[in-house]
PDB file of N, CA and C in Angstrom:
ATOM      1  N   MET A   1      18.781  -9.535 -32.382  1.00  0.00           N
ATOM      2  CA  MET A   1      18.079  -8.818 -31.354  1.00  0.00           C
ATOM      3  C   MET A   1      16.989  -7.961 -31.982  1.00  0.00           C
ATOM      4  N   THR A   2      15.898  -8.587 -32.286  1.00  0.00           N
ATOM      5  CA  THR A   2      14.789  -7.852 -32.860  1.00  0.00           C
ATOM      6  C   THR A   2      13.790  -7.420 -31.802  1.00  0.00           C
ATOM      7  N   ASP A   3      14.069  -7.765 -30.541  1.00  0.00           N
ATOM      8  CA  ASP A   3      13.166  -7.347 -29.467  1.00  0.00           C
ATOM      9  C   ASP A   3      13.260  -5.839 -29.265  1.00  0.00           C
ATOM     10  N   LEU A   4      12.114  -5.230 -29.194  1.00  0.00           N
ATOM     11  CA  LEU A   4      12.084  -3.798 -28.925  1.00  0.00           C
ATOM     12  C   LEU A   4      12.110  -3.583 -27.427  1.00  0.00           C
ATOM     13  N   LEU A   5      12.730  -2.504 -27.024  1.00  0.00           N
ATOM     14  CA  LEU A   5      12.728  -2.164 -25.610  1.00  0.00           C
ATOM     15  C   LEU A   5      11.325  -1.723 -25.213  1.00  0.00           C
ATOM     16  N   TRP A   6      10.930  -2.140 -24.041  1.00  0.00           N
ATOM     17  CA  TRP A   6       9.600  -1.766 -23.554  1.00  0.00           C
ATOM     18  C   TRP A   6       9.615  -0.333 -23.082  1.00  0.00           C
ATOM     19  N   SER A   7       8.547   0.350 -23.385  1.00  0.00           N
ATOM     20  CA  SER A   7       8.401   1.686 -22.810  1.00  0.00           C
ATOM     21  C   SER A   7       7.913   1.521 -21.376  1.00  0.00           C
ATOM     22  N   GLY A   8       7.955   2.569 -20.628  1.00  0.00           N
ATOM     23  CA  GLY A   8       7.514   2.510 -19.237  1.00  0.00           C
ATOM     24  C   GLY A   8       6.059   2.082 -19.122  1.00  0.00           C
ATOM     25  N   ASP A   9       5.209   2.555 -20.030  1.00  0.00           N
ATOM     26  CA  ASP A   9       3.789   2.228 -19.999  1.00  0.00           C
ATOM     27  C   ASP A   9       3.562   0.740 -20.262  1.00  0.00           C
ATOM     28  N   GLU A  10       4.241   0.192 -21.244  1.00  0.00           N
ATOM     29  CA  GLU A  10       4.082  -1.227 -21.564  1.00  0.00           C
ATOM     30  C   GLU A  10       4.600  -2.103 -20.425  1.00  0.00           C
ATOM     31  N   ALA A  11       5.701  -1.710 -19.828  1.00  0.00           N
ATOM     32  CA  ALA A  11       6.253  -2.477 -18.704  1.00  0.00           C
ATOM     33  C   ALA A  11       5.290  -2.439 -17.515  1.00  0.00           C
ATOM     34  N   PHE A  12       4.689  -1.285 -17.258  1.00  0.00           N
ATOM     35  CA  PHE A  12       3.719  -1.167 -16.171  1.00  0.00           C
ATOM     36  C   PHE A  12       2.508  -2.051 -16.437  1.00  0.00           C
ATOM     37  N   ARG A  13       2.013  -2.047 -17.659  1.00  0.00           N
ATOM     38  CA  ARG A  13       0.849  -2.879 -18.003  1.00  0.00           C
ATOM     39  C   ARG A  13       1.160  -4.363 -17.852  1.00  0.00           C
ATOM     40  N   ARG A  14       2.347  -4.771 -18.268  1.00  0.00           N
ATOM     41  CA  ARG A  14       2.717  -6.188 -18.126  1.00  0.00           C
ATOM     42  C   ARG A  14       2.851  -6.585 -16.659  1.00  0.00           C
ATOM     43  N   LYS A  15       3.447  -5.725 -15.866  1.00  0.00           N
ATOM     44  CA  LYS A  15       3.593  -5.990 -14.432  1.00  0.00           C
ATOM     45  C   LYS A  15       2.225  -6.032 -13.759  1.00  0.00           C
ATOM     46  N   LEU A  16       1.353  -5.115 -14.132  1.00  0.00           N
ATOM     47  CA  LEU A  16       0.014  -5.057 -13.559  1.00  0.00           C
ATOM     48  C   LEU A  16      -0.799  -6.282 -13.946  1.00  0.00           C
ATOM     49  N   ALA A  17      -0.587  -6.795 -15.132  1.00  0.00           N
ATOM     50  CA  ALA A  17      -1.317  -7.982 -15.588  1.00  0.00           C
ATOM     51  C   ALA A  17      -0.962  -9.214 -14.764  1.00  0.00           C
ATOM     52  N   THR A  18       0.237  -9.244 -14.181  1.00  0.00           N
ATOM     53  CA  THR A  18       0.640 -10.414 -13.399  1.00  0.00           C
ATOM     54  C   THR A  18       0.046 -10.407 -11.996  1.00  0.00           C
ATOM     55  N   LEU A  19      -0.468  -9.270 -11.548  1.00  0.00           N
ATOM     56  CA  LEU A  19      -1.046  -9.177 -10.210  1.00  0.00           C
ATOM     57  C   LEU A  19      -2.529  -9.526 -10.254  1.00  0.00           C
ATOM     58  N   SER A  20      -2.976 -10.335  -9.312  1.00  0.00           N
ATOM     59  CA  SER A  20      -4.394 -10.680  -9.267  1.00  0.00           C
ATOM     60  C   SER A  20      -5.147  -9.657  -8.423  1.00  0.00           C
ATOM     61  N   LYS A  21      -6.427  -9.495  -8.715  1.00  0.00           N
ATOM     62  CA  LYS A  21      -7.245  -8.556  -7.948  1.00  0.00           C
ATOM     63  C   LYS A  21      -7.350  -8.999  -6.495  1.00  0.00           C
ATOM     64  N   THR A  22      -7.423 -10.309  -6.287  1.00  0.00           N
ATOM     65  CA  THR A  22      -7.522 -10.829  -4.921  1.00  0.00           C
ATOM     66  C   THR A  22      -6.288 -10.470  -4.113  1.00  0.00           C
ATOM     67  N   ARG A  23      -5.111 -10.613  -4.718  1.00  0.00           N
ATOM     68  CA  ARG A  23      -3.869 -10.276  -4.015  1.00  0.00           C
ATOM     69  C   ARG A  23      -3.802  -8.785  -3.707  1.00  0.00           C
ATOM     70  N   LEU A  24      -4.211  -7.965  -4.659  1.00  0.00           N
ATOM     71  CA  LEU A  24      -4.199  -6.522  -4.438  1.00  0.00           C
ATOM     72  C   LEU A  24      -5.158  -6.140  -3.307  1.00  0.00           C
ATOM     73  N   LYS A  25      -6.352  -6.737  -3.297  1.00  0.00           N
ATOM     74  CA  LYS A  25      -7.313  -6.452  -2.234  1.00  0.00           C
ATOM     75  C   LYS A  25      -6.780  -6.885  -0.879  1.00  0.00           C
ATOM     76  N   LEU A  26      -6.107  -8.033  -0.836  1.00  0.00           N
ATOM     77  CA  LEU A  26      -5.528  -8.518   0.407  1.00  0.00           C
ATOM     78  C   LEU A  26      -4.451  -7.567   0.913  1.00  0.00           C
ATOM     79  N   GLN A  27      -3.614  -7.061   0.029  1.00  0.00           N
ATOM     80  CA  GLN A  27      -2.554  -6.157   0.442  1.00  0.00           C
ATOM     81  C   GLN A  27      -3.110  -4.800   0.889  1.00  0.00           C
ATOM     82  N   VAL A  28      -4.208  -4.355   0.285  1.00  0.00           N
ATOM     83  CA  VAL A  28      -4.865  -3.130   0.754  1.00  0.00           C
ATOM     84  C   VAL A  28      -5.388  -3.359   2.173  1.00  0.00           C
ATOM     85  N   SER A  29      -5.988  -4.532   2.401  1.00  0.00           N
ATOM     86  CA  SER A  29      -6.514  -4.845   3.732  1.00  0.00           C
ATOM     87  C   SER A  29      -5.417  -4.925   4.774  1.00  0.00           C
ATOM     88  N   VAL A  30      -4.283  -5.508   4.411  1.00  0.00           N
ATOM     89  CA  VAL A  30      -3.154  -5.598   5.346  1.00  0.00           C
ATOM     90  C   VAL A  30      -2.640  -4.203   5.700  1.00  0.00           C
ATOM     91  N   GLY A  31      -2.514  -3.347   4.698  1.00  0.00           N
ATOM     92  CA  GLY A  31      -2.068  -1.975   4.955  1.00  0.00           C
ATOM     93  C   GLY A  31      -3.042  -1.218   5.844  1.00  0.00           C
ATOM     94  N   ALA A  32      -4.331  -1.392   5.578  1.00  0.00           N
ATOM     95  CA  ALA A  32      -5.339  -0.721   6.397  1.00  0.00           C
ATOM     96  C   ALA A  32      -5.316  -1.244   7.830  1.00  0.00           C
ATOM     97  N   LEU A  33      -5.176  -2.547   7.996  1.00  0.00           N
ATOM     98  CA  LEU A  33      -5.117  -3.132   9.341  1.00  0.00           C
ATOM     99  C   LEU A  33      -3.896  -2.630  10.101  1.00  0.00           C
ATOM    100  N   LEU A  34      -2.750  -2.584   9.444  1.00  0.00           N
ATOM    101  CA  LEU A  34      -1.540  -2.071  10.072  1.00  0.00           C
ATOM    102  C   LEU A  34      -1.720  -0.610  10.479  1.00  0.00           C
ATOM    103  N   ALA A  35      -2.328   0.175   9.608  1.00  0.00           N
ATOM    104  CA  ALA A  35      -2.559   1.590   9.918  1.00  0.00           C
ATOM    105  C   ALA A  35      -3.518   1.750  11.094  1.00  0.00           C
ATOM    106  N   ILE A  36      -4.552   0.941  11.151  1.00  0.00           N
ATOM    107  CA  ILE A  36      -5.533   1.041  12.242  1.00  0.00           C
ATOM    108  C   ILE A  36      -4.905   0.671  13.578  1.00  0.00           C
ATOM    109  N   VAL A  37      -4.167  -0.437  13.605  1.00  0.00           N
ATOM    110  CA  VAL A  37      -3.532  -0.869  14.854  1.00  0.00           C
ATOM    111  C   VAL A  37      -2.493   0.159  15.308  1.00  0.00           C
ATOM    112  N   SER A  38      -1.695   0.648  14.390  1.00  0.00           N
ATOM    113  CA  SER A  38      -0.685   1.643  14.745  1.00  0.00           C
ATOM    114  C   SER A  38      -1.320   2.948  15.195  1.00  0.00           C
ATOM    115  N   ALA A  39      -2.417   3.336  14.545  1.00  0.00           N
ATOM    116  CA  ALA A  39      -3.104   4.564  14.934  1.00  0.00           C
ATOM    117  C   ALA A  39      -3.658   4.458  16.348  1.00  0.00           C
ATOM    118  N   SER A  40      -4.118   3.273  16.726  1.00  0.00           N
ATOM    119  CA  SER A  40      -4.626   3.115  18.094  1.00  0.00           C
ATOM    120  C   SER A  40      -3.501   3.292  19.107  1.00  0.00           C
ATOM    121  N   HIS A  41      -2.311   2.817  18.795  1.00  0.00           N
ATOM    122  CA  HIS A  41      -1.166   2.993  19.685  1.00  0.00           C
ATOM    123  C   HIS A  41      -0.730   4.468  19.739  1.00  0.00           C
ATOM    124  N   VAL A  42      -0.783   5.133  18.600  1.00  0.00           N
ATOM    125  CA  VAL A  42      -0.424   6.552  18.560  1.00  0.00           C
ATOM    126  C   VAL A  42      -1.429   7.362  19.380  1.00  0.00           C
ATOM    127  N   LEU A  43      -2.711   7.073  19.212  1.00  0.00           N
ATOM    128  CA  LEU A  43      -3.731   7.787  19.992  1.00  0.00           C
ATOM    129  C   LEU A  43      -3.574   7.529  21.488  1.00  0.00           C
ATOM    130  N   GLU A  44      -3.206   6.317  21.833  1.00  0.00           N
ATOM    131  CA  GLU A  44      -2.933   6.008  23.237  1.00  0.00           C
ATOM    132  C   GLU A  44      -1.789   6.876  23.753  1.00  0.00           C
ATOM    133  N   GLY A  45      -0.758   7.047  22.945  1.00  0.00           N
ATOM    134  CA  GLY A  45       0.375   7.880  23.331  1.00  0.00           C
ATOM    135  C   GLY A  45      -0.005   9.341  23.473  1.00  0.00           C
ATOM    136  N   VAL A  46      -0.918   9.809  22.610  1.00  0.00           N
ATOM    137  CA  VAL A  46      -1.376  11.199  22.699  1.00  0.00           C
ATOM    138  C   VAL A  46      -2.176  11.402  23.982  1.00  0.00           C
ATOM    139  N   VAL A  47      -3.061  10.464  24.280  1.00  0.00           N
ATOM    140  CA  VAL A  47      -3.905  10.583  25.471  1.00  0.00           C
ATOM    141  C   VAL A  47      -3.065  10.521  26.751  1.00  0.00           C
ATOM    142  N   GLN A  48      -2.071   9.650  26.773  1.00  0.00           N
ATOM    143  CA  GLN A  48      -1.242   9.481  27.971  1.00  0.00           C
ATOM    144  C   GLN A  48      -0.022  10.393  27.972  1.00  0.00           C
ATOM    145  N   SER A  49       0.106  11.243  26.987  1.00  0.00           N
ATOM    146  CA  SER A  49       1.247  12.171  26.858  1.00  0.00           C
ATOM    147  C   SER A  49       2.586  11.449  26.806  1.00  0.00           C
ATOM    148  N   THR A  50       2.606  10.291  26.176  1.00  0.00           N
ATOM    149  CA  THR A  50       3.851   9.531  26.004  1.00  0.00           C
ATOM    150  C   THR A  50       4.128   9.289  24.523  1.00  0.00           C
ATOM    151  N   LEU A  51       3.784  10.267  23.708  1.00  0.00           N
ATOM    152  CA  LEU A  51       3.932  10.103  22.259  1.00  0.00           C
ATOM    153  C   LEU A  51       5.395   9.929  21.851  1.00  0.00           C
ATOM    154  N   ALA A  52       6.310  10.481  22.606  1.00  0.00           N
ATOM    155  CA  ALA A  52       7.731  10.370  22.267  1.00  0.00           C
ATOM    156  C   ALA A  52       8.197   8.918  22.266  1.00  0.00           C
ATOM    157  N   SER A  53       7.567   8.068  23.053  1.00  0.00           N
ATOM    158  CA  SER A  53       7.975   6.663  23.112  1.00  0.00           C
ATOM    159  C   SER A  53       7.242   5.819  22.080  1.00  0.00           C
ATOM    160  N   LYS A  54       6.477   6.432  21.209  1.00  0.00           N
ATOM    161  CA  LYS A  54       5.682   5.692  20.223  1.00  0.00           C
ATOM    162  C   LYS A  54       6.254   5.827  18.812  1.00  0.00           C
ATOM    163  N   GLY A  55       7.557   5.894  18.697  1.00  0.00           N
ATOM    164  CA  GLY A  55       8.184   6.042  17.385  1.00  0.00           C
ATOM    165  C   GLY A  55       7.889   4.891  16.448  1.00  0.00           C
ATOM    166  N   LEU A  56       7.903   3.671  16.966  1.00  0.00           N
ATOM    167  CA  LEU A  56       7.617   2.496  16.139  1.00  0.00           C
ATOM    168  C   LEU A  56       6.164   2.518  15.677  1.00  0.00           C
ATOM    169  N   SER A  57       5.274   2.972  16.528  1.00  0.00           N
ATOM    170  CA  SER A  57       3.865   3.066  16.145  1.00  0.00           C
ATOM    171  C   SER A  57       3.654   4.111  15.053  1.00  0.00           C
ATOM    172  N   MET A  58       4.365   5.215  15.139  1.00  0.00           N
ATOM    173  CA  MET A  58       4.269   6.242  14.096  1.00  0.00           C
ATOM    174  C   MET A  58       4.786   5.701  12.764  1.00  0.00           C
ATOM    175  N   PHE A  59       5.872   4.949  12.823  1.00  0.00           N
ATOM    176  CA  PHE A  59       6.407   4.338  11.613  1.00  0.00           C
ATOM    177  C   PHE A  59       5.406   3.334  11.042  1.00  0.00           C
ATOM    178  N   GLY A  60       4.795   2.531  11.900  1.00  0.00           N
ATOM    179  CA  GLY A  60       3.786   1.566  11.458  1.00  0.00           C
ATOM    180  C   GLY A  60       2.585   2.242  10.833  1.00  0.00           C
ATOM    181  N   LEU A  61       2.180   3.369  11.399  1.00  0.00           N
ATOM    182  CA  LEU A  61       1.064   4.126  10.841  1.00  0.00           C
ATOM    183  C   LEU A  61       1.407   4.636   9.450  1.00  0.00           C
ATOM    184  N   ALA A  62       2.575   5.221   9.309  1.00  0.00           N
ATOM    185  CA  ALA A  62       2.991   5.739   8.000  1.00  0.00           C
ATOM    186  C   ALA A  62       3.134   4.607   6.982  1.00  0.00           C
ATOM    187  N   LEU A  63       3.718   3.507   7.393  1.00  0.00           N
ATOM    188  CA  LEU A  63       3.894   2.361   6.492  1.00  0.00           C
ATOM    189  C   LEU A  63       2.545   1.776   6.086  1.00  0.00           C
ATOM    190  N   GLY A  64       1.642   1.620   7.044  1.00  0.00           N
ATOM    191  CA  GLY A  64       0.320   1.084   6.741  1.00  0.00           C
ATOM    192  C   GLY A  64      -0.450   1.959   5.776  1.00  0.00           C
ATOM    193  N   LEU A  65      -0.386   3.271   5.979  1.00  0.00           N
ATOM    194  CA  LEU A  65      -1.067   4.186   5.067  1.00  0.00           C
ATOM    195  C   LEU A  65      -0.458   4.135   3.674  1.00  0.00           C
ATOM    196  N   TYR A  66       0.866   4.034   3.611  1.00  0.00           N
ATOM    197  CA  TYR A  66       1.533   3.948   2.313  1.00  0.00           C
ATOM    198  C   TYR A  66       1.131   2.667   1.582  1.00  0.00           C
ATOM    199  N   VAL A  67       1.168   1.538   2.268  1.00  0.00           N
ATOM    200  CA  VAL A  67       0.830   0.251   1.644  1.00  0.00           C
ATOM    201  C   VAL A  67      -0.614   0.267   1.153  1.00  0.00           C
ATOM    202  N   ALA A  68      -1.526   0.740   1.994  1.00  0.00           N
ATOM    203  CA  ALA A  68      -2.933   0.781   1.597  1.00  0.00           C
ATOM    204  C   ALA A  68      -3.140   1.688   0.382  1.00  0.00           C
ATOM    205  N   ALA A  69      -2.515   2.858   0.384  1.00  0.00           N
ATOM    206  CA  ALA A  69      -2.667   3.783  -0.738  1.00  0.00           C
ATOM    207  C   ALA A  69      -2.035   3.235  -2.020  1.00  0.00           C
ATOM    208  N   HIS A  70      -0.859   2.658  -1.898  1.00  0.00           N
ATOM    209  CA  HIS A  70      -0.144   2.133  -3.067  1.00  0.00           C
ATOM    210  C   HIS A  70      -0.942   1.033  -3.758  1.00  0.00           C
ATOM    211  N   TYR A  71      -1.386   0.052  -2.993  1.00  0.00           N
ATOM    212  CA  TYR A  71      -2.102  -1.064  -3.600  1.00  0.00           C
ATOM    213  C   TYR A  71      -3.520  -0.687  -3.998  1.00  0.00           C
ATOM    214  N   SER A  72      -4.103   0.325  -3.359  1.00  0.00           N
ATOM    215  CA  SER A  72      -5.404   0.819  -3.802  1.00  0.00           C
ATOM    216  C   SER A  72      -5.285   1.425  -5.196  1.00  0.00           C
ATOM    217  N   LEU A  73      -4.227   2.190  -5.414  1.00  0.00           N
ATOM    218  CA  LEU A  73      -4.018   2.784  -6.736  1.00  0.00           C
ATOM    219  C   LEU A  73      -3.745   1.720  -7.793  1.00  0.00           C
ATOM    220  N   LEU A  74      -3.000   0.683  -7.436  1.00  0.00           N
ATOM    221  CA  LEU A  74      -2.763  -0.406  -8.388  1.00  0.00           C
ATOM    222  C   LEU A  74      -4.064  -1.127  -8.720  1.00  0.00           C
ATOM    223  N   LEU A  75      -4.915  -1.324  -7.721  1.00  0.00           N
ATOM    224  CA  LEU A  75      -6.201  -1.972  -7.943  1.00  0.00           C
ATOM    225  C   LEU A  75      -7.083  -1.119  -8.850  1.00  0.00           C
ATOM    226  N   ILE A  76      -7.097   0.175  -8.621  1.00  0.00           N
ATOM    227  CA  ILE A  76      -7.874   1.083  -9.473  1.00  0.00           C
ATOM    228  C   ILE A  76      -7.325   1.060 -10.903  1.00  0.00           C
ATOM    229  N   ALA A  77      -6.006   1.046 -11.039  1.00  0.00           N
ATOM    230  CA  ALA A  77      -5.394   0.995 -12.374  1.00  0.00           C
ATOM    231  C   ALA A  77      -5.754  -0.302 -13.083  1.00  0.00           C
ATOM    232  N   LYS A  78      -5.764  -1.403 -12.359  1.00  0.00           N
ATOM    233  CA  LYS A  78      -6.108  -2.693 -12.964  1.00  0.00           C
ATOM    234  C   LYS A  78      -7.557  -2.681 -13.432  1.00  0.00           C
ATOM    235  N   ARG A  79      -8.439  -2.116 -12.646  1.00  0.00           N
ATOM    236  CA  ARG A  79      -9.851  -2.023 -13.045  1.00  0.00           C
ATOM    237  C   ARG A  79     -10.027  -1.113 -14.251  1.00  0.00           C
ATOM    238  N   THR A  80      -9.273  -0.021 -14.266  1.00  0.00           N
ATOM    239  CA  THR A  80      -9.380   0.944 -15.357  1.00  0.00           C
ATOM    240  C   THR A  80      -8.866   0.361 -16.671  1.00  0.00           C
ATOM    241  N   LEU A  81      -7.751  -0.363 -16.606  1.00  0.00           N
ATOM    242  CA  LEU A  81      -7.160  -0.926 -17.817  1.00  0.00           C
ATOM    243  C   LEU A  81      -7.877  -2.186 -18.276  1.00  0.00           C
ATOM    244  N   LYS A  82      -8.704  -2.789 -17.419  1.00  0.00           N
ATOM    245  CA  LYS A  82      -9.474  -4.002 -17.742  1.00  0.00           C
ATOM    246  C   LYS A  82      -8.578  -5.078 -18.328  1.00  0.00           C
ATOM    247  N   MET A  83      -7.606  -5.458 -17.532  1.00  0.00           N
ATOM    248  CA  MET A  83      -6.630  -6.437 -17.993  1.00  0.00           C
ATOM    249  C   MET A  83      -7.229  -7.822 -17.942  1.00  0.00           C
TER     250      MET A  83
END
């Protein structure tokens, strides 16, 4: 067993190298689209004063924002590391 254990940084770089820029851009777009559609439903609930019934839309908004932010940061990291 002469294999050295990977440090967190090396493991991150190897994982990032396996992701394509096209896939990362697509996942950012999916997250943004989910956030936009969910936000429109949330705004509809605010305007009609039925926000309490829009729990799924609020979850979709939060999930969409998380996905877009997460993959945006991975895309920026990939560009920065020039893999």
